[in-house]
Amino acid sequence: MFRFPSIYSTVIIIVMLSSAVRALSSSSSRCATAFIGSTGVKPVQPLRYISTRMFSSTTEGGETSIVDTCRDKIQKALETDDVIVKGAFDDPNGSHISIEVVSDLFVGKRAVQRQQLVYKAIWEEMQGPVHVVDAMICKTPDEE
């Protein structure tokens, strides 16, 4: 096995440590503190997690969230009350949703055709506030 001379090992260790210090000092962690001896560096305040009205399923002042809008449109288009639309919890602006639907209109249709019916119902929202449907489960009442 080849072995580096001790001076090269020392240089490699110093470079690795300086890279680690640089990465830690520039990372966007929740709470960071200034290194001893550094100037002009202020501690970073903890992030505050704020949910937007567009994301949440409960709103104030009679406004309708995107989750409620999608649920209503799917219920009307597929003639069912068995619809669950959820926003992704890690998405701050509500552009990711998941959908579960049980409808008689799915009888005799393949999975892709069922999804097409759901996408057709929320097509307008897909052009704006909804970026992607993370998960979609489409069943007939017999498949429950």
Protein backbone atom coordinates (compact mmCIF):
# COMPACT_ATOMS: atom_id res chain seq x y z
CA MET A 1 0.00 0.00 0.00
CA PHE A 2 1.30 3.45 -0.95
CA ARG A 3 1.75 5.87 1.93
CA PHE A 4 1.92 9.68 1.67
CA PRO A 5 4.76 11.44 3.40
CA SER A 6 3.71 13.17 6.60
CA ILE A 7 3.79 16.69 5.10
CA TYR A 8 1.24 15.73 2.45
CA SER A 9 -1.01 14.12 5.05
CA THR A 10 -0.91 17.31 7.11
CA VAL A 11 -1.76 19.48 4.10
CA ILE A 12 -4.66 17.23 3.12
CA ILE A 13 -6.07 17.32 6.65
CA ILE A 14 -5.79 21.13 6.78
CA VAL A 15 -7.57 21.49 3.42
CA MET A 16 -10.34 19.14 4.51
CA LEU A 17 -10.84 20.98 7.80
CA SER A 18 -10.89 24.39 6.13
CA SER A 19 -13.48 23.11 3.63
CA ALA A 20 -15.62 21.80 6.48
CA VAL A 21 -15.39 25.12 8.36
CA ARG A 22 -16.30 27.03 5.19
CA ALA A 23 -19.30 24.77 4.55
CA LEU A 24 -20.54 25.09 8.11
CA SER A 25 -20.18 28.86 8.16
CA SER A 26 -22.04 29.37 4.88
CA SER A 27 -24.79 26.80 5.36
CA SER A 28 -28.37 27.94 5.74
CA SER A 29 -29.07 26.11 8.96
CA ARG A 30 -31.84 27.11 11.33
CA CYS A 31 -29.56 28.64 13.92
CA ALA A 32 -25.93 29.56 13.39
CA THR A 33 -23.44 31.30 15.59
CA ALA A 34 -20.45 33.38 14.62
CA PHE A 35 -16.99 31.87 14.86
CA ILE A 36 -14.65 33.27 17.48
CA GLY A 37 -12.55 36.05 16.04
CA SER A 38 -14.75 36.66 12.97
CA THR A 39 -15.99 40.17 12.36
CA GLY A 40 -19.25 41.37 10.94
CA VAL A 41 -21.03 38.02 11.29
CA LYS A 42 -24.37 38.10 13.08
CA PRO A 43 -26.12 35.00 14.44
CA VAL A 44 -28.96 33.78 12.24
CA GLN A 45 -32.39 33.80 13.83
CA PRO A 46 -34.41 30.54 13.84
CA LEU A 47 -36.78 30.12 10.91
CA ARG A 48 -40.42 30.73 11.56
CA TYR A 49 -42.73 28.32 9.81
CA ILE A 50 -45.69 30.17 8.34
CA SER A 51 -48.50 28.41 6.56
CA THR A 52 -50.25 30.39 3.84
CA ARG A 53 -53.98 30.60 3.35
CA MET A 54 -53.65 29.08 -0.10
CA PHE A 55 -52.21 25.91 1.43
CA SER A 56 -54.48 25.37 4.41
CA SER A 57 -57.91 23.81 4.17
CA THR A 58 -59.37 26.25 6.69
CA THR A 59 -59.41 29.92 5.88
CA GLU A 60 -60.54 33.15 7.43
CA GLY A 61 -63.05 35.60 6.08
CA GLY A 62 -64.90 33.21 3.78
CA GLU A 63 -62.02 32.76 1.34
CA THR A 64 -61.71 29.39 -0.35
CA SER A 65 -58.35 27.61 -0.32
CA ILE A 66 -56.96 25.81 -3.35
CA VAL A 67 -57.52 22.48 -1.54
CA ASP A 68 -61.22 23.30 -1.07
CA THR A 69 -61.55 24.52 -4.66
CA CYS A 70 -60.05 21.30 -6.05
CA ARG A 71 -62.23 19.16 -3.77
CA ASP A 72 -65.41 21.00 -4.87
CA LYS A 73 -64.57 20.75 -8.57
CA ILE A 74 -63.78 17.02 -8.34
CA GLN A 75 -67.01 16.38 -6.40
CA LYS A 76 -69.08 18.14 -9.06
CA ALA A 77 -67.32 16.60 -12.07
CA LEU A 78 -67.32 13.02 -10.76
CA GLU A 79 -70.70 13.20 -8.99
CA THR A 80 -69.41 11.97 -5.63
CA ASP A 81 -68.95 13.17 -2.08
CA ASP A 82 -66.13 10.71 -1.38
CA VAL A 83 -63.20 13.01 -2.24
CA ILE A 84 -60.13 13.77 -0.13
CA VAL A 85 -57.71 16.48 -1.26
CA LYS A 86 -54.68 17.21 0.92
CA GLY A 87 -51.89 19.74 0.57
CA ALA A 88 -48.30 18.62 1.03
CA PHE A 89 -47.08 19.59 4.49
CA ASP A 90 -43.62 20.64 3.36
CA ASP A 91 -44.92 22.87 0.58
CA PRO A 92 -45.28 26.48 1.76
CA ASN A 93 -47.43 27.70 -1.14
CA GLY A 94 -49.82 24.77 -1.60
CA SER A 95 -48.73 23.88 -5.10
CA HIS A 96 -48.42 20.14 -4.29
CA ILE A 97 -51.58 18.17 -3.52
CA SER A 98 -52.64 14.54 -3.15
CA ILE A 99 -56.07 13.26 -4.15
CA GLU A 100 -58.22 10.25 -3.20
CA VAL A 101 -61.51 9.74 -5.06
CA VAL A 102 -64.19 7.04 -5.02
CA SER A 103 -66.73 7.40 -7.85
CA ASP A 104 -69.21 5.30 -9.84
CA LEU A 105 -67.94 7.03 -13.00
CA PHE A 106 -64.69 5.01 -12.70
CA VAL A 107 -66.47 1.69 -13.37
CA GLY A 108 -65.04 0.04 -16.48
CA LYS A 109 -62.21 2.56 -16.86
CA ARG A 110 -58.48 1.93 -16.70
CA ALA A 111 -56.31 3.76 -14.15
CA VAL A 112 -55.10 6.32 -16.71
CA GLN A 113 -58.66 7.10 -17.81
CA ARG A 114 -59.69 7.61 -14.17
CA GLN A 115 -56.79 10.01 -13.61
CA GLN A 116 -57.69 11.89 -16.78
CA LEU A 117 -61.20 12.50 -15.42
CA VAL A 118 -59.74 13.94 -12.21
CA TYR A 119 -57.20 16.11 -14.08
CA LYS A 120 -59.98 17.39 -16.34
CA ALA A 121 -61.92 18.51 -13.26
CA ILE A 122 -58.99 20.53 -11.86
CA TRP A 123 -57.41 21.58 -15.16
CA GLU A 124 -57.85 25.30 -14.43
CA GLU A 125 -56.04 24.98 -11.08
CA MET A 126 -53.24 22.98 -12.74
CA GLN A 127 -52.56 26.00 -14.97
CA GLY A 128 -52.04 28.29 -11.96
CA PRO A 129 -51.79 27.59 -8.24
CA VAL A 130 -51.41 23.77 -8.36
CA HIS A 131 -48.03 22.72 -9.72
CA VAL A 132 -48.26 18.95 -9.28
CA VAL A 133 -50.44 16.17 -7.94
CA ASP A 134 -48.09 14.11 -5.77
CA ALA A 135 -50.43 11.13 -5.40
CA MET A 136 -53.78 10.15 -6.88
CA ILE A 137 -55.92 7.19 -5.84
CA CYS A 138 -59.01 6.60 -7.97
CA LYS A 139 -61.36 3.76 -6.97
CA THR A 140 -64.86 2.52 -7.67
CA PRO A 141 -67.18 1.88 -4.70
CA ASP A 142 -66.65 -1.89 -5.18
CA GLU A 143 -62.86 -1.49 -4.89
CA GLU A 144 -63.00 0.11 -1.44
